[in-house]
């Protein structure tokens, strides 16, 4: 990665793979080196990590209310039947 703008684009294209720990070895080291010298990209990574944590926490708080579940099922069934006006 030589061009700083290209570096940022490459890092951001692989952002979720990096956050999820799906990049290893030299690729991971390259991204981490970029993040140490690029505060905007580091901020983006931190934001996305925080967002993923909030979503994870909220999704594990319990089941959706039964009324919501029923309404969503009815809308999905209507859409699958061809009535996309739901």
C-alpha atoms as a PDB file:
ATOM      1  CA  UNK A   1       0.000   0.000   0.000  1.00  0.00           C
ATOM      2  CA  UNK A   2       1.817   3.105  -1.225  1.00  0.00           C
ATOM      3  CA  UNK A   3      -0.783   5.738  -2.077  1.00  0.00           C
ATOM      4  CA  UNK A   4      -2.424   7.021   1.148  1.00  0.00           C
ATOM      5  CA  UNK A   5      -5.809   7.434  -0.553  1.00  0.00           C
ATOM      6  CA  UNK A   6      -5.605   3.941  -2.032  1.00  0.00           C
ATOM      7  CA  UNK A   7      -4.455   2.649   1.368  1.00  0.00           C
ATOM      8  CA  UNK A   8      -7.597   4.046   2.994  1.00  0.00           C
ATOM      9  CA  UNK A   9      -9.833   2.617   0.304  1.00  0.00           C
ATOM     10  CA  UNK A  10      -8.197  -0.802   0.638  1.00  0.00           C
ATOM     11  CA  UNK A  11      -8.522  -0.746   4.425  1.00  0.00           C
ATOM     12  CA  UNK A  12     -12.153   0.332   4.322  1.00  0.00           C
ATOM     13  CA  UNK A  13     -12.989  -2.325   1.709  1.00  0.00           C
ATOM     14  CA  UNK A  14     -11.695  -4.974   4.124  1.00  0.00           C
ATOM     15  CA  UNK A  15     -12.983  -3.303   7.273  1.00  0.00           C
ATOM     16  CA  UNK A  16     -15.544  -5.925   8.303  1.00  0.00           C
ATOM     17  CA  UNK A  17     -13.182  -8.803   7.596  1.00  0.00           C
ATOM     18  CA  UNK A  18     -10.599  -7.091   9.804  1.00  0.00           C
ATOM     19  CA  UNK A  19     -13.067  -6.337  12.613  1.00  0.00           C
ATOM     20  CA  UNK A  20     -14.367  -9.906  12.540  1.00  0.00           C
ATOM     21  CA  UNK A  21     -10.832 -11.304  12.805  1.00  0.00           C
ATOM     22  CA  UNK A  22     -11.001 -12.895   9.363  1.00  0.00           C
ATOM     23  CA  UNK A  23      -7.749 -11.340   8.163  1.00  0.00           C
ATOM     24  CA  UNK A  24      -4.477 -12.733   9.454  1.00  0.00           C
ATOM     25  CA  UNK A  25      -0.752 -12.534   8.961  1.00  0.00           C
ATOM     26  CA  UNK A  26       0.800  -9.881   6.750  1.00  0.00           C
ATOM     27  CA  UNK A  27      -2.579  -8.521   5.607  1.00  0.00           C
ATOM     28  CA  UNK A  28      -3.628  -7.907   9.198  1.00  0.00           C
ATOM     29  CA  UNK A  29      -0.262  -6.337  10.029  1.00  0.00           C
ATOM     30  CA  UNK A  30      -0.536  -4.059   6.981  1.00  0.00           C
ATOM     31  CA  UNK A  31      -3.986  -2.872   8.039  1.00  0.00           C
ATOM     32  CA  UNK A  32      -2.874  -2.325  11.634  1.00  0.00           C
ATOM     33  CA  UNK A  33       0.159  -0.339  10.458  1.00  0.00           C
ATOM     34  CA  UNK A  34      -2.133   1.832   8.340  1.00  0.00           C
ATOM     35  CA  UNK A  35      -4.451   2.399  11.288  1.00  0.00           C
ATOM     36  CA  UNK A  36      -1.558   3.621  13.453  1.00  0.00           C
ATOM     37  CA  UNK A  37      -0.837   6.401  10.976  1.00  0.00           C
ATOM     38  CA  UNK A  38      -4.362   7.208   9.762  1.00  0.00           C
ATOM     39  CA  UNK A  39      -6.674   8.637  12.452  1.00  0.00           C
ATOM     40  CA  UNK A  40      -9.723   8.843  10.114  1.00  0.00           C
ATOM     41  CA  UNK A  41      -9.538   5.119   9.308  1.00  0.00           C
ATOM     42  CA  UNK A  42      -8.908   4.265  12.963  1.00  0.00           C
ATOM     43  CA  UNK A  43     -11.960   6.323  13.924  1.00  0.00           C
ATOM     44  CA  UNK A  44     -14.011   4.445  11.322  1.00  0.00           C
ATOM     45  CA  UNK A  45     -12.853   1.081  12.697  1.00  0.00           C
ATOM     46  CA  UNK A  46     -13.639   2.149  16.268  1.00  0.00           C
ATOM     47  CA  UNK A  47     -17.094   3.379  15.226  1.00  0.00           C
ATOM     48  CA  UNK A  48     -17.912   0.130  13.414  1.00  0.00           C
ATOM     49  CA  UNK A  49     -16.682  -1.967  16.358  1.00  0.00           C
ATOM     50  CA  UNK A  50     -18.865   0.054  18.735  1.00  0.00           C
ATOM     51  CA  UNK A  51     -21.855  -0.253  16.394  1.00  0.00           C
ATOM     52  CA  UNK A  52     -21.432  -4.019  16.105  1.00  0.00           C
ATOM     53  CA  UNK A  53     -21.273  -4.252  19.903  1.00  0.00           C
ATOM     54  CA  UNK A  54     -24.486  -2.243  20.322  1.00  0.00           C
ATOM     55  CA  UNK A  55     -26.283  -4.412  17.750  1.00  0.00           C
ATOM     56  CA  UNK A  56     -24.978  -7.592  19.404  1.00  0.00           C
ATOM     57  CA  UNK A  57     -26.118  -6.406  22.828  1.00  0.00           C
ATOM     58  CA  UNK A  58     -29.551  -5.303  21.629  1.00  0.00           C
ATOM     59  CA  UNK A  59     -30.118  -8.518  19.696  1.00  0.00           C
ATOM     60  CA  UNK A  60     -29.367 -10.630  22.759  1.00  0.00           C
ATOM     61  CA  UNK A  61     -31.756  -8.845  25.121  1.00  0.00           C
ATOM     62  CA  UNK A  62     -34.574 -11.274  24.474  1.00  0.00           C
ATOM     63  CA  UNK A  63     -37.328 -12.123  22.076  1.00  0.00           C
ATOM     64  CA  UNK A  64     -39.349  -9.572  20.159  1.00  0.00           C
ATOM     65  CA  UNK A  65     -42.862  -8.901  21.457  1.00  0.00           C
ATOM     66  CA  UNK A  66     -45.374 -11.457  20.104  1.00  0.00           C
ATOM     67  CA  UNK A  67     -47.424  -8.707  18.421  1.00  0.00           C
ATOM     68  CA  UNK A  68     -44.401  -7.572  16.425  1.00  0.00           C
ATOM     69  CA  UNK A  69     -43.536 -11.127  15.431  1.00  0.00           C
ATOM     70  CA  UNK A  70     -47.092 -11.781  14.216  1.00  0.00           C
ATOM     71  CA  UNK A  71     -47.218  -8.493  12.266  1.00  0.00           C
ATOM     72  CA  UNK A  72     -43.893  -9.214  10.572  1.00  0.00           C
ATOM     73  CA  UNK A  73     -44.942 -12.751   9.669  1.00  0.00           C
ATOM     74  CA  UNK A  74     -48.176 -11.438   8.151  1.00  0.00           C
ATOM     75  CA  UNK A  75     -46.291  -8.822   6.112  1.00  0.00           C
ATOM     76  CA  UNK A  76     -43.763 -11.380   4.872  1.00  0.00           C
ATOM     77  CA  UNK A  77     -46.538 -13.788   3.889  1.00  0.00           C
ATOM     78  CA  UNK A  78     -48.349 -10.979   2.060  1.00  0.00           C
ATOM     79  CA  UNK A  79     -45.182  -9.995   0.191  1.00  0.00           C
ATOM     80  CA  UNK A  80     -44.464 -13.606  -0.770  1.00  0.00           C
ATOM     81  CA  UNK A  81     -48.018 -13.940  -2.055  1.00  0.00           C
ATOM     82  CA  UNK A  82     -47.416 -11.009  -4.400  1.00  0.00           C
ATOM     83  CA  UNK A  83     -48.933  -8.134  -2.454  1.00  0.00           C
ATOM     84  CA  UNK A  84     -45.890  -5.923  -1.950  1.00  0.00           C
ATOM     85  CA  UNK A  85     -48.053  -3.057  -0.648  1.00  0.00           C
ATOM     86  CA  UNK A  86     -47.455  -4.170   2.963  1.00  0.00           C
END
